[in-house]
Every structure is written in structure tokens, then in C-alpha cells.
Amino acid sequence: MSAEVLIVEDEAAIAELLAINIRHAGMTVRVALDAEQARREVDKQLPKLVLLDWMLPGQSGVQLARQWRADERTRDLPIIMLLRLVRQKTTAWRAWTLGQTTISPSRSRPKS
């Protein structure tokens, strides 16, 4: 059985690009477009890793990460936080203090 990665990203093009590369590496991928869908996916089955966008519609990735860190079942869930504003040290520091495994800059949103 391959490792499963949950991608939480509201931009379909970015989610698909990440998914293609992860599948190419031999892992299984699930995609959630917002925090509510991500919560349902994690409730169904814990993934081995979560790629979590910082900015999501509705509830932010930061708020979702806080909820997962507060819950005993998901406390140790590895999370890579995808950030667009990496120049702002406070943004990266906030993600790190939430217990993110890694902080990764993502490219700007694709042009329409």
C-alpha cells in the first residue's frame, strides 16, 4: 500500500499540479478544496501527510492546523504548510509555532 497524501488547496490548478507530482512519486492522493472537506477526509482516514494551503475560503489553513494540533487523534499529523507570503517572517514563524513539519513557499496563483 502506498503512502497517502491529502492536498488541501482551493486553487484546482495548483492542487492538480501537486497531485500529478505526488502520484508520479508513487503515492496516493486525496484533494480537499476547503477546510470543511479536509476535516471530513481526515475523519474518514488519517493520511500520512497533509499539504495545507495557508489561505483557504472560509476557515483558513492556520485555523484548521490549530484544530488538528488540539485533537489527540490528529496532533501528530505531519503537515507541510504552503505559503505564498514567505517574505513576511511573521507568517512563516506563525506556521512553525503551530507545529508544522515544514513550511514551503508556493508559487503565485496561476494567471487566468
C-alpha atoms as a PDB file:
ATOM      1  CA  MET A   1       0.000   0.000   0.000  1.00  0.00           C
ATOM      2  CA  SER A   2       1.390   3.409  -0.957  1.00  0.00           C
ATOM      3  CA  ALA A   3       1.586   6.394   1.364  1.00  0.00           C
ATOM      4  CA  GLU A   4      -1.413   8.685   1.200  1.00  0.00           C
ATOM      5  CA  VAL A   5      -1.137  12.467   0.955  1.00  0.00           C
ATOM      6  CA  LEU A   6      -4.029  14.875   1.494  1.00  0.00           C
ATOM      7  CA  ILE A   7      -3.732  18.099  -0.505  1.00  0.00           C
ATOM      8  CA  VAL A   8      -5.821  20.957   0.919  1.00  0.00           C
ATOM      9  CA  GLU A   9      -5.785  23.652  -1.763  1.00  0.00           C
ATOM     10  CA  ASP A  10      -8.647  25.784  -3.095  1.00  0.00           C
ATOM     11  CA  GLU A  11      -6.977  26.508  -6.455  1.00  0.00           C
ATOM     12  CA  ALA A  12      -7.745  23.477  -8.649  1.00  0.00           C
ATOM     13  CA  ALA A  13      -4.761  24.067 -10.959  1.00  0.00           C
ATOM     14  CA  ILE A  14      -2.294  24.142  -8.051  1.00  0.00           C
ATOM     15  CA  ALA A  15      -3.905  21.092  -6.436  1.00  0.00           C
ATOM     16  CA  GLU A  16      -3.693  19.154  -9.699  1.00  0.00           C
ATOM     17  CA  LEU A  17      -0.051  20.100 -10.258  1.00  0.00           C
ATOM     18  CA  LEU A  18       0.831  18.911  -6.752  1.00  0.00           C
ATOM     19  CA  ALA A  19      -1.234  15.734  -7.202  1.00  0.00           C
ATOM     20  CA  ILE A  20       0.454  14.823 -10.504  1.00  0.00           C
ATOM     21  CA  ASN A  21       3.909  15.110  -8.963  1.00  0.00           C
ATOM     22  CA  ILE A  22       2.966  13.181  -5.831  1.00  0.00           C
ATOM     23  CA  ARG A  23       1.354  10.386  -7.851  1.00  0.00           C
ATOM     24  CA  HIS A  24       4.459  10.269 -10.048  1.00  0.00           C
ATOM     25  CA  ALA A  25       6.433   9.601  -6.856  1.00  0.00           C
ATOM     26  CA  GLY A  26       4.209   6.568  -6.220  1.00  0.00           C
ATOM     27  CA  MET A  27       1.911   7.931  -3.540  1.00  0.00           C
ATOM     28  CA  THR A  28      -1.867   8.031  -3.349  1.00  0.00           C
ATOM     29  CA  VAL A  29      -3.516  11.468  -3.312  1.00  0.00           C
ATOM     30  CA  ARG A  30      -6.765  12.872  -1.986  1.00  0.00           C
ATOM     31  CA  VAL A  31      -7.709  16.511  -2.599  1.00  0.00           C
ATOM     32  CA  ALA A  32      -9.859  18.813  -0.455  1.00  0.00           C
ATOM     33  CA  LEU A  33     -10.811  22.262  -1.728  1.00  0.00           C
ATOM     34  CA  ASP A  34     -11.564  23.812   1.672  1.00  0.00           C
ATOM     35  CA  ALA A  35     -11.157  23.224   5.410  1.00  0.00           C
ATOM     36  CA  GLU A  36     -14.544  21.540   5.862  1.00  0.00           C
ATOM     37  CA  GLN A  37     -13.831  18.978   3.145  1.00  0.00           C
ATOM     38  CA  ALA A  38     -10.337  18.425   4.588  1.00  0.00           C
ATOM     39  CA  ARG A  39     -11.819  17.736   8.032  1.00  0.00           C
ATOM     40  CA  ARG A  40     -14.185  15.158   6.535  1.00  0.00           C
ATOM     41  CA  GLU A  41     -11.317  13.470   4.668  1.00  0.00           C
ATOM     42  CA  VAL A  42      -9.174  13.264   7.803  1.00  0.00           C
ATOM     43  CA  ASP A  43     -12.148  11.985   9.836  1.00  0.00           C
ATOM     44  CA  LYS A  44     -12.588   9.159   7.297  1.00  0.00           C
ATOM     45  CA  GLN A  45      -8.927   8.152   7.300  1.00  0.00           C
ATOM     46  CA  LEU A  46      -5.733   9.763   8.557  1.00  0.00           C
ATOM     47  CA  PRO A  47      -3.320  10.463   5.707  1.00  0.00           C
ATOM     48  CA  LYS A  48       0.435  10.017   6.116  1.00  0.00           C
ATOM     49  CA  LEU A  49       0.965  13.689   5.205  1.00  0.00           C
ATOM     50  CA  VAL A  50      -1.084  16.865   4.642  1.00  0.00           C
ATOM     51  CA  LEU A  51      -0.110  19.642   2.232  1.00  0.00           C
ATOM     52  CA  LEU A  52      -2.136  22.537   3.639  1.00  0.00           C
ATOM     53  CA  ASP A  53      -2.656  25.901   1.955  1.00  0.00           C
ATOM     54  CA  TRP A  54      -2.333  28.826   4.361  1.00  0.00           C
ATOM     55  CA  MET A  55      -5.175  30.762   2.736  1.00  0.00           C
ATOM     56  CA  LEU A  56      -8.445  28.899   2.149  1.00  0.00           C
ATOM     57  CA  PRO A  57     -12.003  30.160   1.642  1.00  0.00           C
ATOM     58  CA  GLY A  58     -13.978  30.215   4.868  1.00  0.00           C
ATOM     59  CA  GLN A  59     -11.767  28.765   7.577  1.00  0.00           C
ATOM     60  CA  SER A  60      -8.042  29.335   6.991  1.00  0.00           C
ATOM     61  CA  GLY A  61      -5.384  26.661   6.872  1.00  0.00           C
ATOM     62  CA  VAL A  62      -3.937  28.140  10.066  1.00  0.00           C
ATOM     63  CA  GLN A  63      -7.218  27.675  11.934  1.00  0.00           C
ATOM     64  CA  LEU A  64      -7.539  24.116  10.621  1.00  0.00           C
ATOM     65  CA  ALA A  65      -3.969  23.276  11.678  1.00  0.00           C
ATOM     66  CA  ARG A  66      -4.711  24.614  15.174  1.00  0.00           C
ATOM     67  CA  GLN A  67      -7.771  22.369  15.419  1.00  0.00           C
ATOM     68  CA  TRP A  68      -5.790  19.321  14.293  1.00  0.00           C
ATOM     69  CA  ARG A  69      -2.994  20.097  16.789  1.00  0.00           C
ATOM     70  CA  ALA A  70      -5.552  20.393  19.614  1.00  0.00           C
ATOM     71  CA  ASP A  71      -7.126  16.994  18.833  1.00  0.00           C
ATOM     72  CA  GLU A  72      -5.357  13.923  20.250  1.00  0.00           C
ATOM     73  CA  ARG A  73      -6.136  11.845  17.120  1.00  0.00           C
ATOM     74  CA  THR A  74      -4.567  14.364  14.715  1.00  0.00           C
ATOM     75  CA  ARG A  75      -1.976  16.022  16.986  1.00  0.00           C
ATOM     76  CA  ASP A  76       0.975  14.263  15.319  1.00  0.00           C
ATOM     77  CA  LEU A  77      -0.327  14.515  11.758  1.00  0.00           C
ATOM     78  CA  PRO A  78       2.588  15.715   9.579  1.00  0.00           C
ATOM     79  CA  ILE A  79       1.661  18.996   7.880  1.00  0.00           C
ATOM     80  CA  ILE A  80       3.520  20.940   5.228  1.00  0.00           C
ATOM     81  CA  MET A  81       2.088  24.442   5.145  1.00  0.00           C
ATOM     82  CA  LEU A  82       2.033  26.063   1.703  1.00  0.00           C
ATOM     83  CA  LEU A  83       2.698  29.789   1.942  1.00  0.00           C
ATOM     84  CA  ARG A  84       2.603  32.498  -0.677  1.00  0.00           C
ATOM     85  CA  LEU A  85       3.938  35.300   1.502  1.00  0.00           C
ATOM     86  CA  VAL A  86       7.264  33.810   2.549  1.00  0.00           C
ATOM     87  CA  ARG A  87       8.984  37.201   2.724  1.00  0.00           C
ATOM     88  CA  GLN A  88       6.962  38.002   5.790  1.00  0.00           C
ATOM     89  CA  LYS A  89       8.932  36.345   8.571  1.00  0.00           C
ATOM     90  CA  THR A  90       5.992  36.524  10.962  1.00  0.00           C
ATOM     91  CA  THR A  91       3.872  34.396   8.610  1.00  0.00           C
ATOM     92  CA  ALA A  92       6.499  31.667   8.476  1.00  0.00           C
ATOM     93  CA  TRP A  93       7.087  31.886  12.220  1.00  0.00           C
ATOM     94  CA  ARG A  94       3.357  31.534  12.985  1.00  0.00           C
ATOM     95  CA  ALA A  95       3.182  28.405  10.835  1.00  0.00           C
ATOM     96  CA  TRP A  96       6.240  26.948  12.537  1.00  0.00           C
ATOM     97  CA  THR A  97       4.876  27.614  16.038  1.00  0.00           C
ATOM     98  CA  LEU A  98       1.692  25.756  15.081  1.00  0.00           C
ATOM     99  CA  GLY A  99       3.833  22.651  14.791  1.00  0.00           C
ATOM    100  CA  GLN A 100       4.054  22.421  11.017  1.00  0.00           C
ATOM    101  CA  THR A 101       6.557  19.828   9.910  1.00  0.00           C
ATOM    102  CA  THR A 102       7.777  22.009   7.047  1.00  0.00           C
ATOM    103  CA  ILE A 103       6.999  25.420   5.634  1.00  0.00           C
ATOM    104  CA  SER A 104       7.100  25.546   1.858  1.00  0.00           C
ATOM    105  CA  PRO A 105       6.711  28.585  -0.386  1.00  0.00           C
ATOM    106  CA  SER A 106       4.269  28.089  -3.229  1.00  0.00           C
ATOM    107  CA  ARG A 107       4.243  29.959  -6.497  1.00  0.00           C
ATOM    108  CA  SER A 108       1.835  32.818  -7.030  1.00  0.00           C
ATOM    109  CA  ARG A 109      -1.588  31.872  -8.200  1.00  0.00           C
ATOM    110  CA  PRO A 110      -1.717  30.998 -11.897  1.00  0.00           C
ATOM    111  CA  LYS A 111      -2.950  33.697 -14.256  1.00  0.00           C
ATOM    112  CA  SER A 112      -6.400  33.142 -15.705  1.00  0.00           C
END
